[in-house]
Amino acid sequence: MVEIAKENELGQKLEQPNKPINQQGKVKDSFLLRYYHKVINTLQKFDASKVKHIPREDNTLANMLSKLTTSKASQY
């Protein structure tokens, strides 16, 4: 039997980290829009949630991925 957590915590870089995430959020990149909707749908399955801002310098994986994406885009 699988038990679903009642609360969750996500780390996400937000444009304005003090504002709550909601369906009025702004997604600048259309590619990321599908992930935004996935996050919103997932958050609705929990009784409570917390979105935590993680500065880029503290998130080495996100930093590496952003550099990879930038270098790939400049090749085209």
C-alpha atoms as a PDB file:
ATOM      1  CA  MET A   1       0.000   0.000   0.000  1.00  0.00           C
ATOM      2  CA  VAL A   2       1.283   3.466  -0.903  1.00  0.00           C
ATOM      3  CA  GLU A   3       0.595   6.370   1.408  1.00  0.00           C
ATOM      4  CA  ILE A   4       0.353   9.827  -0.171  1.00  0.00           C
ATOM      5  CA  ALA A   5       2.093  12.639   1.668  1.00  0.00           C
ATOM      6  CA  LYS A   6      -0.115  15.391   3.038  1.00  0.00           C
ATOM      7  CA  GLU A   7       2.505  18.098   2.605  1.00  0.00           C
ATOM      8  CA  ASN A   8       5.343  18.657   0.176  1.00  0.00           C
ATOM      9  CA  GLU A   9       8.171  21.067  -0.412  1.00  0.00           C
ATOM     10  CA  LEU A  10       9.516  22.071  -3.809  1.00  0.00           C
ATOM     11  CA  GLY A  11      12.652  23.971  -4.704  1.00  0.00           C
ATOM     12  CA  GLN A  12      12.065  26.278  -7.634  1.00  0.00           C
ATOM     13  CA  LYS A  13      13.607  29.437  -8.967  1.00  0.00           C
ATOM     14  CA  LEU A  14      10.895  32.090  -9.008  1.00  0.00           C
ATOM     15  CA  GLU A  15      10.989  35.544 -10.528  1.00  0.00           C
ATOM     16  CA  GLN A  16       9.489  36.947  -7.335  1.00  0.00           C
ATOM     17  CA  PRO A  17      10.162  34.340  -4.628  1.00  0.00           C
ATOM     18  CA  ASN A  18       7.964  35.981  -1.977  1.00  0.00           C
ATOM     19  CA  LYS A  19       4.799  35.732  -4.065  1.00  0.00           C
ATOM     20  CA  PRO A  20       2.763  32.523  -3.816  1.00  0.00           C
ATOM     21  CA  ILE A  21       2.748  30.233  -6.843  1.00  0.00           C
ATOM     22  CA  ASN A  22      -0.667  30.164  -8.443  1.00  0.00           C
ATOM     23  CA  GLN A  23      -2.335  29.862 -11.801  1.00  0.00           C
ATOM     24  CA  GLN A  24      -1.705  33.538 -12.529  1.00  0.00           C
ATOM     25  CA  GLY A  25       2.074  32.961 -12.631  1.00  0.00           C
ATOM     26  CA  LYS A  26       4.187  34.138 -15.545  1.00  0.00           C
ATOM     27  CA  VAL A  27       6.186  31.663 -17.601  1.00  0.00           C
ATOM     28  CA  LYS A  28       8.470  33.432 -20.057  1.00  0.00           C
ATOM     29  CA  ASP A  29       9.618  30.336 -21.961  1.00  0.00           C
ATOM     30  CA  SER A  30       6.870  28.419 -23.798  1.00  0.00           C
ATOM     31  CA  PHE A  31       8.924  25.218 -23.454  1.00  0.00           C
ATOM     32  CA  LEU A  32       8.717  25.537 -19.660  1.00  0.00           C
ATOM     33  CA  LEU A  33       4.959  26.145 -19.740  1.00  0.00           C
ATOM     34  CA  ARG A  34       4.180  22.411 -19.734  1.00  0.00           C
ATOM     35  CA  TYR A  35       6.322  21.965 -16.610  1.00  0.00           C
ATOM     36  CA  TYR A  36       4.571  24.896 -14.948  1.00  0.00           C
ATOM     37  CA  HIS A  37       1.189  23.236 -15.538  1.00  0.00           C
ATOM     38  CA  LYS A  38       2.559  19.920 -14.274  1.00  0.00           C
ATOM     39  CA  VAL A  39       3.702  21.604 -11.040  1.00  0.00           C
ATOM     40  CA  ILE A  40       0.336  23.331 -10.556  1.00  0.00           C
ATOM     41  CA  ASN A  41      -1.537  20.050 -11.098  1.00  0.00           C
ATOM     42  CA  THR A  42       0.775  18.209  -8.694  1.00  0.00           C
ATOM     43  CA  LEU A  43       0.461  20.887  -5.989  1.00  0.00           C
ATOM     44  CA  GLN A  44      -3.334  20.610  -6.116  1.00  0.00           C
ATOM     45  CA  LYS A  45      -3.075  16.975  -4.984  1.00  0.00           C
ATOM     46  CA  PHE A  46      -1.654  18.015  -1.601  1.00  0.00           C
ATOM     47  CA  ASP A  47      -3.414  19.598   1.364  1.00  0.00           C
ATOM     48  CA  ALA A  48      -0.542  22.066   1.771  1.00  0.00           C
ATOM     49  CA  SER A  49       2.627  22.888  -0.115  1.00  0.00           C
ATOM     50  CA  LYS A  50       5.602  25.201   0.113  1.00  0.00           C
ATOM     51  CA  VAL A  51       7.647  26.533  -2.787  1.00  0.00           C
ATOM     52  CA  LYS A  52      11.145  27.412  -1.698  1.00  0.00           C
ATOM     53  CA  HIS A  53      13.449  29.713  -3.667  1.00  0.00           C
ATOM     54  CA  ILE A  54      16.887  28.183  -4.202  1.00  0.00           C
ATOM     55  CA  PRO A  55      19.489  30.686  -5.413  1.00  0.00           C
ATOM     56  CA  ARG A  56      21.293  29.549  -8.566  1.00  0.00           C
ATOM     57  CA  GLU A  57      24.671  29.542  -6.786  1.00  0.00           C
ATOM     58  CA  ASP A  58      23.267  27.023  -4.274  1.00  0.00           C
ATOM     59  CA  ASN A  59      21.794  24.763  -6.953  1.00  0.00           C
ATOM     60  CA  THR A  60      24.704  23.390  -8.980  1.00  0.00           C
ATOM     61  CA  LEU A  61      22.552  20.993 -11.021  1.00  0.00           C
ATOM     62  CA  ALA A  62      20.226  23.760 -12.228  1.00  0.00           C
ATOM     63  CA  ASN A  63      23.231  25.958 -12.927  1.00  0.00           C
ATOM     64  CA  MET A  64      24.883  23.250 -15.070  1.00  0.00           C
ATOM     65  CA  LEU A  65      21.643  22.580 -16.959  1.00  0.00           C
ATOM     66  CA  SER A  66      21.113  26.270 -17.701  1.00  0.00           C
ATOM     67  CA  LYS A  67      24.644  26.560 -19.086  1.00  0.00           C
ATOM     68  CA  LEU A  68      24.122  23.462 -21.232  1.00  0.00           C
ATOM     69  CA  THR A  69      20.863  24.843 -22.622  1.00  0.00           C
ATOM     70  CA  THR A  70      22.446  28.225 -23.341  1.00  0.00           C
ATOM     71  CA  SER A  71      25.404  26.668 -25.157  1.00  0.00           C
ATOM     72  CA  LYS A  72      23.114  24.419 -27.251  1.00  0.00           C
ATOM     73  CA  ALA A  73      20.889  27.364 -28.227  1.00  0.00           C
ATOM     74  CA  SER A  74      23.868  29.430 -29.365  1.00  0.00           C
ATOM     75  CA  GLN A  75      24.910  26.654 -31.774  1.00  0.00           C
ATOM     76  CA  TYR A  76      21.767  27.113 -33.892  1.00  0.00           C
END
